[in-house]
PDB file of N, CA and C in Angstrom:
ATOM      1  N   MET A   1       0.854  -1.291   0.391  1.00  0.00           N
ATOM      2  CA  MET A   1      -0.047   0.014   0.108  1.00  0.00           C
ATOM      3  C   MET A   1       0.962   1.038   0.209  1.00  0.00           C
ATOM      4  N   TYR A   2       0.557   2.415  -0.584  1.00  0.00           N
ATOM      5  CA  TYR A   2       1.325   3.498  -1.102  1.00  0.00           C
ATOM      6  C   TYR A   2       1.067   4.093   0.748  1.00  0.00           C
ATOM      7  N   PRO A   3       2.715   4.290   0.978  1.00  0.00           N
ATOM      8  CA  PRO A   3       2.573   5.368   2.256  1.00  0.00           C
ATOM      9  C   PRO A   3       1.794   6.629   2.045  1.00  0.00           C
ATOM     10  N   LYS A   4       1.370   6.832   3.515  1.00  0.00           N
ATOM     11  CA  LYS A   4       0.324   8.413   3.525  1.00  0.00           C
ATOM     12  C   LYS A   4       1.761   8.951   3.826  1.00  0.00           C
ATOM     13  N   ILE A   5       2.702   9.751   3.465  1.00  0.00           N
ATOM     14  CA  ILE A   5       3.946  10.564   3.138  1.00  0.00           C
ATOM     15  C   ILE A   5       3.716  11.710   3.839  1.00  0.00           C
ATOM     16  N   ASN A   6       2.401  12.342   3.735  1.00  0.00           N
ATOM     17  CA  ASN A   6       1.726  13.745   3.862  1.00  0.00           C
ATOM     18  C   ASN A   6       1.146  13.559   5.583  1.00  0.00           C
ATOM     19  N   ASP A   7       1.283  12.882   5.705  1.00  0.00           N
ATOM     20  CA  ASP A   7       0.483  12.205   7.880  1.00  0.00           C
ATOM     21  C   ASP A   7       1.236  13.125   8.667  1.00  0.00           C
ATOM     22  N   LYS A   8       0.335  13.655   9.340  1.00  0.00           N
ATOM     23  CA  LYS A   8       0.553  14.594  10.048  1.00  0.00           C
ATOM     24  C   LYS A   8       1.794  13.821  11.605  1.00  0.00           C
ATOM     25  N   LYS A   9       0.858  12.572  11.428  1.00  0.00           N
ATOM     26  CA  LYS A   9       2.267  11.238  12.512  1.00  0.00           C
ATOM     27  C   LYS A   9       3.556  11.607  12.412  1.00  0.00           C
ATOM     28  N   LEU A  10       3.798  11.793  10.837  1.00  0.00           N
ATOM     29  CA  LEU A  10       5.740  10.862  10.178  1.00  0.00           C
ATOM     30  C   LEU A  10       6.296  12.087  10.611  1.00  0.00           C
ATOM     31  N   PRO A  11       7.874  12.130  11.187  1.00  0.00           N
ATOM     32  CA  PRO A  11       8.231  12.258  11.991  1.00  0.00           C
ATOM     33  C   PRO A  11       8.755  13.557  10.579  1.00  0.00           C
ATOM     34  N   LYS A  12       9.615  14.801  10.914  1.00  0.00           N
ATOM     35  CA  LYS A  12       9.804  15.173  10.278  1.00  0.00           C
ATOM     36  C   LYS A  12      10.828  15.558   8.922  1.00  0.00           C
ATOM     37  N   GLN A  13      11.860  14.619   9.492  1.00  0.00           N
ATOM     38  CA  GLN A  13      13.328  14.345   9.426  1.00  0.00           C
ATOM     39  C   GLN A  13      12.924  13.782   8.176  1.00  0.00           C
ATOM     40  N   VAL A  14      11.369  12.488   8.494  1.00  0.00           N
ATOM     41  CA  VAL A  14      11.283  11.871   7.348  1.00  0.00           C
ATOM     42  C   VAL A  14      10.290  12.343   6.477  1.00  0.00           C
ATOM     43  N   LYS A  15      10.076  13.028   6.337  1.00  0.00           N
ATOM     44  CA  LYS A  15       9.451  13.624   5.564  1.00  0.00           C
ATOM     45  C   LYS A  15      10.450  14.360   4.881  1.00  0.00           C
ATOM     46  N   GLU A  16      11.571  15.253   5.377  1.00  0.00           N
ATOM     47  CA  GLU A  16      11.960  16.000   4.672  1.00  0.00           C
ATOM     48  C   GLU A  16      13.072  14.940   3.490  1.00  0.00           C
ATOM     49  N   ALA A  17      12.814  13.610   4.008  1.00  0.00           N
ATOM     50  CA  ALA A  17      13.926  12.624   2.839  1.00  0.00           C
ATOM     51  C   ALA A  17      13.418  11.709   2.216  1.00  0.00           C
ATOM     52  N   ILE A  18      12.164  12.204   1.895  1.00  0.00           N
ATOM     53  CA  ILE A  18      11.719  11.876   0.996  1.00  0.00           C
ATOM     54  C   ILE A  18      11.708  12.305  -0.644  1.00  0.00           C
ATOM     55  N   THR A  19      12.534  11.631  -1.562  1.00  0.00           N
ATOM     56  CA  THR A  19      12.959  12.745  -3.065  1.00  0.00           C
ATOM     57  C   THR A  19      11.272  12.959  -3.644  1.00  0.00           C
ATOM     58  N   ILE A  20      11.232  14.839  -4.353  1.00  0.00           N
ATOM     59  CA  ILE A  20      10.463  15.073  -5.104  1.00  0.00           C
ATOM     60  C   ILE A  20      10.116  13.353  -6.493  1.00  0.00           C
ATOM     61  N   GLU A  21      10.722  12.893  -6.544  1.00  0.00           N
ATOM     62  CA  GLU A  21      10.860  11.285  -8.308  1.00  0.00           C
ATOM     63  C   GLU A  21       9.938  10.604  -6.944  1.00  0.00           C
ATOM     64  N   SER A  22      10.621  10.100  -6.223  1.00  0.00           N
ATOM     65  CA  SER A  22       9.567   9.337  -4.671  1.00  0.00           C
ATOM     66  C   SER A  22       8.041   9.750  -4.896  1.00  0.00           C
ATOM     67  N   ALA A  23       7.881  10.929  -4.284  1.00  0.00           N
ATOM     68  CA  ALA A  23       6.649  11.477  -4.053  1.00  0.00           C
ATOM     69  C   ALA A  23       5.971  11.381  -4.598  1.00  0.00           C
ATOM     70  N   ALA A  24       6.041  11.546  -6.268  1.00  0.00           N
ATOM     71  CA  ALA A  24       5.341  11.146  -7.354  1.00  0.00           C
ATOM     72  C   ALA A  24       4.798  10.088  -8.007  1.00  0.00           C
ATOM     73  N   SER A  25       5.610   8.996  -7.617  1.00  0.00           N
ATOM     74  CA  SER A  25       5.188   7.786  -8.030  1.00  0.00           C
ATOM     75  C   SER A  25       3.495   8.034  -7.339  1.00  0.00           C
ATOM     76  N   HIS A  26       3.191   7.666  -6.726  1.00  0.00           N
ATOM     77  CA  HIS A  26       1.604   7.745  -6.147  1.00  0.00           C
ATOM     78  C   HIS A  26       0.685   8.098  -6.800  1.00  0.00           C
ATOM     79  N   LYS A  27       0.861   8.475  -8.537  1.00  0.00           N
ATOM     80  CA  LYS A  27       0.235   8.837  -9.486  1.00  0.00           C
ATOM     81  C   LYS A  27       0.279   7.414 -10.038  1.00  0.00           C
ATOM     82  N   PHE A  28       1.287   6.318 -10.018  1.00  0.00           N
ATOM     83  CA  PHE A  28       0.910   5.201 -10.587  1.00  0.00           C
ATOM     84  C   PHE A  28       0.738   4.155  -9.764  1.00  0.00           C
ATOM     85  N   SER A  29       0.007   4.841  -8.887  1.00  0.00           N
ATOM     86  CA  SER A  29      -0.766   3.847  -7.735  1.00  0.00           C
ATOM     87  C   SER A  29      -2.058   3.555  -7.624  1.00  0.00           C
ATOM     88  N   SER A  30      -2.169   2.120  -7.785  1.00  0.00           N
ATOM     89  CA  SER A  30      -3.981   1.788  -7.053  1.00  0.00           C
ATOM     90  C   SER A  30      -4.544   1.673  -6.054  1.00  0.00           C
ATOM     91  N   PHE A  31      -3.191   2.596  -4.836  1.00  0.00           N
ATOM     92  CA  PHE A  31      -3.472   2.032  -3.662  1.00  0.00           C
ATOM     93  C   PHE A  31      -4.041   0.685  -3.415  1.00  0.00           C
ATOM     94  N   ASN A  32      -3.857  -0.574  -4.108  1.00  0.00           N
ATOM     95  CA  ASN A  32      -3.653  -1.317  -3.492  1.00  0.00           C
ATOM     96  C   ASN A  32      -2.462  -1.742  -2.340  1.00  0.00           C
ATOM     97  N   ARG A  33      -2.164  -3.164  -1.517  1.00  0.00           N
ATOM     98  CA  ARG A  33      -1.375  -3.996  -1.255  1.00  0.00           C
ATOM     99  C   ARG A  33      -0.696  -4.339  -2.058  1.00  0.00           C
ATOM    100  N   ASN A  34       0.896  -3.656  -1.865  1.00  0.00           N
ATOM    101  CA  ASN A  34       1.855  -5.169  -2.655  1.00  0.00           C
ATOM    102  C   ASN A  34       2.045  -3.618  -3.792  1.00  0.00           C
ATOM    103  N   GLU A  35       2.064  -2.908  -3.841  1.00  0.00           N
ATOM    104  CA  GLU A  35       2.566  -2.060  -4.932  1.00  0.00           C
ATOM    105  C   GLU A  35       3.534  -1.823  -5.407  1.00  0.00           C
ATOM    106  N   PRO A  36       4.595  -2.117  -6.720  1.00  0.00           N
ATOM    107  CA  PRO A  36       5.977  -2.045  -6.629  1.00  0.00           C
ATOM    108  C   PRO A  36       6.138  -0.830  -6.922  1.00  0.00           C
ATOM    109  N   CYS A  37       5.349   0.181  -7.527  1.00  0.00           N
ATOM    110  CA  CYS A  37       5.664   1.494  -7.379  1.00  0.00           C
ATOM    111  C   CYS A  37       6.285   2.398  -6.370  1.00  0.00           C
ATOM    112  N   SER A  38       5.629   1.675  -4.919  1.00  0.00           N
ATOM    113  CA  SER A  38       5.636   2.462  -3.573  1.00  0.00           C
ATOM    114  C   SER A  38       7.090   2.061  -2.620  1.00  0.00           C
ATOM    115  N   LEU A  39       7.997   1.581  -4.218  1.00  0.00           N
ATOM    116  CA  LEU A  39       9.362   0.803  -3.332  1.00  0.00           C
ATOM    117  C   LEU A  39      10.005   2.172  -3.176  1.00  0.00           C
ATOM    118  N   PRO A  40      10.178   3.053  -4.197  1.00  0.00           N
ATOM    119  CA  PRO A  40      11.227   3.693  -3.787  1.00  0.00           C
ATOM    120  C   PRO A  40      10.848   4.908  -2.243  1.00  0.00           C
ATOM    121  N   VAL A  41       9.547   5.244  -2.423  1.00  0.00           N
ATOM    122  CA  VAL A  41       8.930   6.280  -1.316  1.00  0.00           C
ATOM    123  C   VAL A  41       9.150   4.841   0.502  1.00  0.00           C
ATOM    124  N   ILE A  42       8.938   3.622   0.571  1.00  0.00           N
ATOM    125  CA  ILE A  42       9.215   2.924   1.591  1.00  0.00           C
ATOM    126  C   ILE A  42      10.427   2.802   1.779  1.00  0.00           C
ATOM    127  N   CYS A  43      11.669   2.869   1.091  1.00  0.00           N
ATOM    128  CA  CYS A  43      12.684   2.389   0.778  1.00  0.00           C
ATOM    129  C   CYS A  43      13.362   3.816   2.091  1.00  0.00           C
ATOM    130  N   GLU A  44      13.312   5.184   0.937  1.00  0.00           N
ATOM    131  CA  GLU A  44      13.301   6.151   1.811  1.00  0.00           C
ATOM    132  C   GLU A  44      12.685   6.850   2.981  1.00  0.00           C
ATOM    133  N   MET A  45      11.582   6.084   3.189  1.00  0.00           N
ATOM    134  CA  MET A  45      11.426   6.230   4.901  1.00  0.00           C
ATOM    135  C   MET A  45      12.272   5.699   5.811  1.00  0.00           C
ATOM    136  N   ILE A  46      12.454   4.079   5.506  1.00  0.00           N
ATOM    137  CA  ILE A  46      12.916   3.292   6.334  1.00  0.00           C
ATOM    138  C   ILE A  46      14.558   3.920   6.774  1.00  0.00           C
ATOM    139  N   ALA A  47      14.861   4.730   5.530  1.00  0.00           N
ATOM    140  CA  ALA A  47      16.200   4.897   5.328  1.00  0.00           C
ATOM    141  C   ALA A  47      16.195   5.831   6.677  1.00  0.00           C
ATOM    142  N   ALA A  48      15.501   6.880   6.348  1.00  0.00           N
ATOM    143  CA  ALA A  48      15.487   7.952   7.482  1.00  0.00           C
ATOM    144  C   ALA A  48      15.070   7.463   8.500  1.00  0.00           C
ATOM    145  N   PHE A  49      14.535   6.796   9.220  1.00  0.00           N
ATOM    146  CA  PHE A  49      13.786   6.194  10.119  1.00  0.00           C
ATOM    147  C   PHE A  49      15.147   5.571  10.887  1.00  0.00           C
ATOM    148  N   ALA A  50      16.098   4.640  10.161  1.00  0.00           N
ATOM    149  CA  ALA A  50      16.941   4.225  10.452  1.00  0.00           C
ATOM    150  C   ALA A  50      18.085   4.988  10.085  1.00  0.00           C
ATOM    151  N   ASP A  51      18.141   6.250   9.655  1.00  0.00           N
ATOM    152  CA  ASP A  51      19.240   7.061   9.676  1.00  0.00           C
ATOM    153  C   ASP A  51      20.893   6.344   8.443  1.00  0.00           C
ATOM    154  N   LYS A  52      19.932   5.895   7.958  1.00  0.00           N
ATOM    155  CA  LYS A  52      20.938   5.366   6.399  1.00  0.00           C
ATOM    156  C   LYS A  52      20.546   5.732   5.600  1.00  0.00           C
ATOM    157  N   ASP A  53      21.246   5.525   4.427  1.00  0.00           N
ATOM    158  CA  ASP A  53      21.198   6.337   2.785  1.00  0.00           C
ATOM    159  C   ASP A  53      20.050   5.048   2.608  1.00  0.00           C
ATOM    160  N   PRO A  54      19.256   5.616   1.234  1.00  0.00           N
ATOM    161  CA  PRO A  54      18.695   5.125   0.745  1.00  0.00           C
ATOM    162  C   PRO A  54      19.265   3.604   0.060  1.00  0.00           C
ATOM    163  N   ALA A  55      19.877   4.173   0.293  1.00  0.00           N
ATOM    164  CA  ALA A  55      20.791   3.079  -1.855  1.00  0.00           C
ATOM    165  C   ALA A  55      21.782   1.974  -0.812  1.00  0.00           C
ATOM    166  N   GLU A  56      22.251   1.703   0.512  1.00  0.00           N
ATOM    167  CA  GLU A  56      22.608   1.024   1.550  1.00  0.00           C
ATOM    168  C   GLU A  56      21.224   0.105   1.915  1.00  0.00           C
ATOM    169  N   VAL A  57      20.232   0.638   2.166  1.00  0.00           N
ATOM    170  CA  VAL A  57      18.877  -0.078   2.705  1.00  0.00           C
ATOM    171  C   VAL A  57      18.429  -0.816   1.241  1.00  0.00           C
ATOM    172  N   ALA A  58      18.098  -0.406   0.127  1.00  0.00           N
ATOM    173  CA  ALA A  58      18.068  -0.926  -0.984  1.00  0.00           C
ATOM    174  C   ALA A  58      18.543  -2.060  -0.909  1.00  0.00           C
ATOM    175  N   ARG A  59      20.166  -1.760  -0.959  1.00  0.00           N
ATOM    176  CA  ARG A  59      21.137  -3.474  -1.356  1.00  0.00           C
ATOM    177  C   ARG A  59      21.102  -4.328  -0.185  1.00  0.00           C
ATOM    178  N   ILE A  60      20.914  -3.767   1.395  1.00  0.00           N
ATOM    179  CA  ILE A  60      21.028  -5.049   2.290  1.00  0.00           C
ATOM    180  C   ILE A  60      19.298  -5.665   1.763  1.00  0.00           C
ATOM    181  N   THR A  61      18.344  -4.965   1.764  1.00  0.00           N
ATOM    182  CA  THR A  61      16.961  -5.227   1.095  1.00  0.00           C
ATOM    183  C   THR A  61      16.908  -6.033   0.219  1.00  0.00           C
ATOM    184  N   THR A  62      17.837  -6.296  -0.806  1.00  0.00           N
ATOM    185  CA  THR A  62      17.640  -6.657  -2.266  1.00  0.00           C
ATOM    186  C   THR A  62      18.802  -8.461  -1.664  1.00  0.00           C
ATOM    187  N   GLU A  63      19.825  -8.385  -0.882  1.00  0.00           N
ATOM    188  CA  GLU A  63      20.390  -8.531  -0.639  1.00  0.00           C
ATOM    189  C   GLU A  63      19.710 -10.112   0.438  1.00  0.00           C
ATOM    190  N   ASN A  64      18.618  -9.651   1.306  1.00  0.00           N
ATOM    191  CA  ASN A  64      17.834 -10.726   1.891  1.00  0.00           C
ATOM    192  C   ASN A  64      16.826 -11.268   1.083  1.00  0.00           C
ATOM    193  N   ALA A  65      16.483 -10.329   0.116  1.00  0.00           N
ATOM    194  CA  ALA A  65      14.868 -11.273  -0.808  1.00  0.00           C
ATOM    195  C   ALA A  65      16.126 -11.943  -1.251  1.00  0.00           C
ATOM    196  N   LYS A  66      17.167 -12.436  -2.263  1.00  0.00           N
ATOM    197  CA  LYS A  66      17.607 -13.121  -2.678  1.00  0.00           C
ATOM    198  C   LYS A  66      18.140 -14.510  -1.360  1.00  0.00           C
ATOM    199  N   ARG A  67      18.537 -14.460  -0.305  1.00  0.00           N
ATOM    200  CA  ARG A  67      19.126 -15.043   0.631  1.00  0.00           C
ATOM    201  C   ARG A  67      17.890 -16.387   1.275  1.00  0.00           C
ATOM    202  N   VAL A  68      16.324 -14.847   1.694  1.00  0.00           N
ATOM    203  CA  VAL A  68      15.352 -15.475   1.867  1.00  0.00           C
ATOM    204  C   VAL A  68      14.732 -16.691   0.783  1.00  0.00           C
ATOM    205  N   TYR A  69      14.700 -16.459  -0.796  1.00  0.00           N
ATOM    206  CA  TYR A  69      14.030 -16.300  -1.911  1.00  0.00           C
ATOM    207  C   TYR A  69      15.015 -17.471  -2.700  1.00  0.00           C
ATOM    208  N   ASP A  70      15.630 -17.987  -1.914  1.00  0.00           N
ATOM    209  CA  ASP A  70      17.249 -18.528  -2.776  1.00  0.00           C
ATOM    210  C   ASP A  70      17.188 -18.761  -4.237  1.00  0.00           C
ATOM    211  N   LEU A  71      17.796 -16.725  -4.257  1.00  0.00           N
ATOM    212  CA  LEU A  71      17.582 -16.174  -5.642  1.00  0.00           C
ATOM    213  C   LEU A  71      18.889 -16.455  -6.109  1.00  0.00           C
ATOM    214  N   ASN A  72      20.002 -16.504  -5.684  1.00  0.00           N
ATOM    215  CA  ASN A  72      21.344 -16.713  -5.921  1.00  0.00           C
ATOM    216  C   ASN A  72      21.573 -16.768  -6.825  1.00  0.00           C
TER     217      ASN A  72
END
């Protein structure tokens, strides 16, 4: 599901970490579960909460998916 990037409860540093490109991806979303177009925003939000670089979060989650689903 596409995250609520303008939610009042979302910390300021998380809102500021979301790029314009990722925020614009909502126009491709049907707002159902497991939408691939929401991955950039979700990655940026996780990175902001964890105080990490979004590229590092993407790399780590990709490695985890490969390991869990035996995609190597």
